[in-house]
């Protein structure tokens, strides 16, 4: 049998996406970064060419070491795919 213990919650619910991490606001054109593609390709190094802020997301243009150029999203959900160059 179920018993109601309390109707009061000890936490607040938040709706929406997680915010950008603080370090994301330090990204600058010319900075070296690494981006995680997947288990097969692993981490790839590149240089930031441009940064565009759209609402709660950054769109970062990166030229990777192999010469390829990509525009990649950086938002609260994608933060684990990014790191400073090592």
C-alpha atoms as a PDB file:
ATOM      1  CA  UNK A   1       0.000   0.000   0.000  1.00  0.00           C
ATOM      2  CA  UNK A   2       1.267   3.505  -0.886  1.00  0.00           C
ATOM      3  CA  UNK A   3       1.322   6.201   1.733  1.00  0.00           C
ATOM      4  CA  UNK A   4       1.606   9.926   1.009  1.00  0.00           C
ATOM      5  CA  UNK A   5       4.462  11.301   3.086  1.00  0.00           C
ATOM      6  CA  UNK A   6       4.458  14.939   2.006  1.00  0.00           C
ATOM      7  CA  UNK A   7       3.152  17.158  -0.761  1.00  0.00           C
ATOM      8  CA  UNK A   8       5.999  19.669  -0.388  1.00  0.00           C
ATOM      9  CA  UNK A   9       9.050  19.312  -2.652  1.00  0.00           C
ATOM     10  CA  UNK A  10      12.507  20.215  -1.372  1.00  0.00           C
ATOM     11  CA  UNK A  11      13.729  21.326  -4.807  1.00  0.00           C
ATOM     12  CA  UNK A  12      12.644  23.519  -7.694  1.00  0.00           C
ATOM     13  CA  UNK A  13      12.097  22.257 -11.213  1.00  0.00           C
ATOM     14  CA  UNK A  14      13.701  24.196 -14.055  1.00  0.00           C
ATOM     15  CA  UNK A  15      12.477  24.121 -17.620  1.00  0.00           C
ATOM     16  CA  UNK A  16      14.694  24.583 -20.667  1.00  0.00           C
ATOM     17  CA  UNK A  17      18.274  23.859 -21.561  1.00  0.00           C
ATOM     18  CA  UNK A  18      21.227  24.042 -19.192  1.00  0.00           C
ATOM     19  CA  UNK A  19      23.147  27.336 -19.418  1.00  0.00           C
ATOM     20  CA  UNK A  20      26.485  27.705 -21.180  1.00  0.00           C
ATOM     21  CA  UNK A  21      29.431  26.937 -18.927  1.00  0.00           C
ATOM     22  CA  UNK A  22      31.416  29.985 -17.782  1.00  0.00           C
ATOM     23  CA  UNK A  23      34.533  28.897 -19.679  1.00  0.00           C
ATOM     24  CA  UNK A  24      32.594  29.097 -22.955  1.00  0.00           C
ATOM     25  CA  UNK A  25      32.469  32.878 -22.585  1.00  0.00           C
ATOM     26  CA  UNK A  26      36.298  32.980 -22.616  1.00  0.00           C
ATOM     27  CA  UNK A  27      36.561  31.501 -26.126  1.00  0.00           C
ATOM     28  CA  UNK A  28      38.185  33.866 -28.628  1.00  0.00           C
ATOM     29  CA  UNK A  29      39.083  33.882 -32.296  1.00  0.00           C
ATOM     30  CA  UNK A  30      42.513  32.260 -32.800  1.00  0.00           C
ATOM     31  CA  UNK A  31      42.242  30.082 -29.665  1.00  0.00           C
ATOM     32  CA  UNK A  32      43.192  26.421 -29.945  1.00  0.00           C
ATOM     33  CA  UNK A  33      40.502  23.941 -28.874  1.00  0.00           C
ATOM     34  CA  UNK A  34      39.704  20.247 -29.167  1.00  0.00           C
ATOM     35  CA  UNK A  35      36.349  18.814 -30.183  1.00  0.00           C
ATOM     36  CA  UNK A  36      35.123  15.268 -29.478  1.00  0.00           C
ATOM     37  CA  UNK A  37      33.516  13.755 -32.585  1.00  0.00           C
ATOM     38  CA  UNK A  38      32.827  10.153 -31.544  1.00  0.00           C
ATOM     39  CA  UNK A  39      34.551   6.987 -30.317  1.00  0.00           C
ATOM     40  CA  UNK A  40      36.055   6.292 -33.755  1.00  0.00           C
ATOM     41  CA  UNK A  41      37.496   9.766 -34.462  1.00  0.00           C
ATOM     42  CA  UNK A  42      38.069  10.766 -30.829  1.00  0.00           C
ATOM     43  CA  UNK A  43      39.345  14.328 -30.099  1.00  0.00           C
ATOM     44  CA  UNK A  44      40.425  16.614 -32.971  1.00  0.00           C
ATOM     45  CA  UNK A  45      42.429  19.807 -32.552  1.00  0.00           C
ATOM     46  CA  UNK A  46      41.611  23.034 -34.319  1.00  0.00           C
ATOM     47  CA  UNK A  47      41.662  26.818 -34.234  1.00  0.00           C
ATOM     48  CA  UNK A  48      38.603  29.025 -33.671  1.00  0.00           C
ATOM     49  CA  UNK A  49      37.936  31.171 -36.750  1.00  0.00           C
ATOM     50  CA  UNK A  50      34.685  32.856 -35.681  1.00  0.00           C
ATOM     51  CA  UNK A  51      32.137  32.872 -32.843  1.00  0.00           C
ATOM     52  CA  UNK A  52      28.484  33.826 -33.212  1.00  0.00           C
ATOM     53  CA  UNK A  53      26.158  34.033 -30.196  1.00  0.00           C
ATOM     54  CA  UNK A  54      22.534  33.112 -30.907  1.00  0.00           C
ATOM     55  CA  UNK A  55      20.271  33.202 -27.851  1.00  0.00           C
ATOM     56  CA  UNK A  56      21.708  30.666 -25.360  1.00  0.00           C
ATOM     57  CA  UNK A  57      24.057  29.021 -27.833  1.00  0.00           C
ATOM     58  CA  UNK A  58      27.385  29.772 -29.465  1.00  0.00           C
ATOM     59  CA  UNK A  59      28.034  28.764 -33.053  1.00  0.00           C
ATOM     60  CA  UNK A  60      31.782  28.326 -33.315  1.00  0.00           C
ATOM     61  CA  UNK A  61      33.576  28.081 -36.667  1.00  0.00           C
ATOM     62  CA  UNK A  62      36.630  25.859 -36.264  1.00  0.00           C
ATOM     63  CA  UNK A  63      39.394  25.092 -38.751  1.00  0.00           C
ATOM     64  CA  UNK A  64      40.681  21.667 -37.788  1.00  0.00           C
ATOM     65  CA  UNK A  65      44.280  20.566 -38.166  1.00  0.00           C
ATOM     66  CA  UNK A  66      43.403  18.548 -41.291  1.00  0.00           C
ATOM     67  CA  UNK A  67      42.199  21.762 -43.008  1.00  0.00           C
ATOM     68  CA  UNK A  68      38.460  21.072 -42.689  1.00  0.00           C
ATOM     69  CA  UNK A  69      36.207  23.940 -41.585  1.00  0.00           C
ATOM     70  CA  UNK A  70      33.061  23.337 -39.498  1.00  0.00           C
ATOM     71  CA  UNK A  71      30.434  25.451 -37.759  1.00  0.00           C
ATOM     72  CA  UNK A  72      29.638  23.661 -34.509  1.00  0.00           C
ATOM     73  CA  UNK A  73      27.064  24.392 -31.792  1.00  0.00           C
ATOM     74  CA  UNK A  74      28.172  24.985 -28.248  1.00  0.00           C
ATOM     75  CA  UNK A  75      25.308  24.959 -25.789  1.00  0.00           C
ATOM     76  CA  UNK A  76      24.692  23.597 -22.329  1.00  0.00           C
ATOM     77  CA  UNK A  77      24.061  20.107 -23.678  1.00  0.00           C
ATOM     78  CA  UNK A  78      27.112  20.031 -25.978  1.00  0.00           C
ATOM     79  CA  UNK A  79      29.670  21.298 -23.453  1.00  0.00           C
ATOM     80  CA  UNK A  80      31.241  17.873 -22.873  1.00  0.00           C
ATOM     81  CA  UNK A  81      32.340  17.750 -26.524  1.00  0.00           C
ATOM     82  CA  UNK A  82      34.683  20.731 -26.097  1.00  0.00           C
ATOM     83  CA  UNK A  83      37.943  21.312 -24.214  1.00  0.00           C
ATOM     84  CA  UNK A  84      41.006  23.578 -24.381  1.00  0.00           C
ATOM     85  CA  UNK A  85      43.795  22.220 -26.558  1.00  0.00           C
ATOM     86  CA  UNK A  86      46.141  19.902 -24.648  1.00  0.00           C
END
